[in-house]
Amino acid sequence: MKYVLRYETSPDLDMEAVVAHFPAHQARWQEYQEAGTLLAIGPMADPRDGAMAVFTSRQAAEAFAVDDPFVTEGLVTSHTILEWNEVLLDSPDD
C-alpha cells in the first residue's frame, strides 16, 4: 500500500512566494527521499492545479505535510491523504 498526498492550491497562487519557499520545501522532501519514505513528488503541469507526492506510509505523508513550508506559509489551501493500490509495481505481498 502506498499513500498519495494531494495538495490543493489557490487559482491565484503567488508564484513569487513559491520560488521564495522552494529551497526549504526541497530540503524537506529530500529528507524523506533519503529516508526511503518519499517515492515521487511534484506539481501538476500548471502549479495552480496543485501537486502530489507518493509516500510509503500514512505517517510519513502526514508528518511531511504538517511542517512543509508550502503548507505552513499558506501556499497550500488544503491537502488530503489517500491510500493507493499501485497495481503495476506492487507485488501481491505488499
Protein backbone atom coordinates (compact mmCIF):
# COMPACT_ATOMS: atom_id res chain seq x y z
CA MET A 1 0.00 0.00 0.00
CA LYS A 2 1.19 3.49 -0.84
CA TYR A 3 -0.18 6.88 0.26
CA VAL A 4 -0.80 9.84 -2.02
CA LEU A 5 -0.59 13.31 -0.54
CA ARG A 6 -2.60 15.70 -2.70
CA TYR A 7 -2.16 19.46 -2.35
CA GLU A 8 -4.79 21.96 -3.45
CA THR A 9 -3.68 25.48 -4.23
CA SER A 10 -5.44 28.73 -4.98
CA PRO A 11 -6.10 29.71 -8.61
CA ASP A 12 -4.23 32.93 -7.82
CA LEU A 13 -1.19 31.10 -6.42
CA ASP A 14 1.64 33.54 -5.69
CA MET A 15 4.47 32.13 -7.80
CA GLU A 16 6.98 34.55 -6.25
CA ALA A 17 6.17 33.03 -2.85
CA VAL A 18 6.54 29.54 -4.32
CA VAL A 19 10.02 30.43 -5.59
CA ALA A 20 10.94 32.04 -2.25
CA HIS A 21 9.91 28.99 -0.20
CA PHE A 22 11.04 26.32 -2.65
CA PRO A 23 14.54 25.77 -1.16
CA ALA A 24 13.05 24.94 2.28
CA HIS A 25 10.35 22.78 0.65
CA GLN A 26 13.01 20.93 -1.36
CA ALA A 27 15.17 20.37 1.71
CA ARG A 28 12.14 18.89 3.46
CA TRP A 29 11.31 16.43 0.70
CA GLN A 30 14.94 15.45 0.27
CA GLU A 31 14.96 14.25 3.90
CA TYR A 32 12.02 11.96 3.18
CA GLN A 33 13.52 10.78 -0.10
CA GLU A 34 16.80 9.91 1.61
CA ALA A 35 14.88 8.04 4.34
CA GLY A 36 13.17 6.00 1.61
CA THR A 37 9.65 7.10 2.55
CA LEU A 38 9.06 9.52 -0.36
CA LEU A 39 8.79 7.82 -3.75
CA ALA A 40 7.64 10.64 -6.03
CA ILE A 41 6.72 14.32 -5.73
CA GLY A 42 5.85 17.21 -7.97
CA PRO A 43 3.40 19.85 -9.11
CA MET A 44 0.81 19.42 -11.81
CA ALA A 45 1.75 20.90 -15.20
CA ASP A 46 0.03 24.09 -14.04
CA PRO A 47 1.05 24.58 -10.38
CA ARG A 48 -2.30 26.27 -9.72
CA ASP A 49 -3.81 22.79 -10.18
CA GLY A 50 -1.91 21.61 -7.09
CA ALA A 51 0.66 18.91 -6.51
CA MET A 52 1.03 15.37 -5.29
CA ALA A 53 3.52 13.10 -3.59
CA VAL A 54 3.63 9.35 -3.03
CA PHE A 55 4.79 8.00 0.33
CA THR A 56 5.40 4.52 1.71
CA SER A 57 3.32 5.19 4.84
CA ARG A 58 0.45 7.38 6.00
CA GLN A 59 2.60 8.54 8.93
CA ALA A 60 5.30 9.86 6.59
CA ALA A 61 2.74 11.68 4.43
CA GLU A 62 1.11 13.26 7.49
CA ALA A 63 4.43 14.28 9.04
CA PHE A 64 5.63 15.77 5.76
CA ALA A 65 2.51 17.89 5.30
CA VAL A 66 2.47 19.21 8.87
CA ASP A 67 5.82 21.00 8.55
CA ASP A 68 6.13 21.53 4.79
CA PRO A 69 6.92 25.22 4.19
CA PHE A 70 4.39 25.31 1.36
CA VAL A 71 1.72 24.39 3.93
CA THR A 72 2.99 26.48 6.83
CA GLU A 73 3.40 29.56 4.60
CA GLY A 74 -0.15 29.27 3.23
CA LEU A 75 0.65 28.28 -0.34
CA VAL A 76 -1.41 25.11 0.04
CA THR A 77 -5.11 25.76 0.67
CA SER A 78 -5.87 22.16 1.68
CA HIS A 79 -4.42 18.68 1.48
CA THR A 80 -5.67 15.11 1.57
CA ILE A 81 -4.01 11.75 2.02
CA LEU A 82 -5.41 8.78 0.12
CA GLU A 83 -4.48 5.10 0.25
CA TRP A 84 -3.34 3.91 -3.16
CA ASN A 85 -3.09 0.37 -4.51
CA GLU A 86 -0.30 0.55 -7.06
CA VAL A 87 -1.22 -2.41 -9.27
CA LEU A 88 1.56 -2.23 -11.84
CA LEU A 89 4.52 -2.35 -9.45
CA ASP A 90 3.25 -3.79 -6.19
CA SER A 91 3.61 -7.48 -5.58
CA PRO A 92 0.68 -9.36 -4.02
CA ASP A 93 2.61 -9.46 -0.71
CA ASP A 94 2.90 -5.64 -0.40
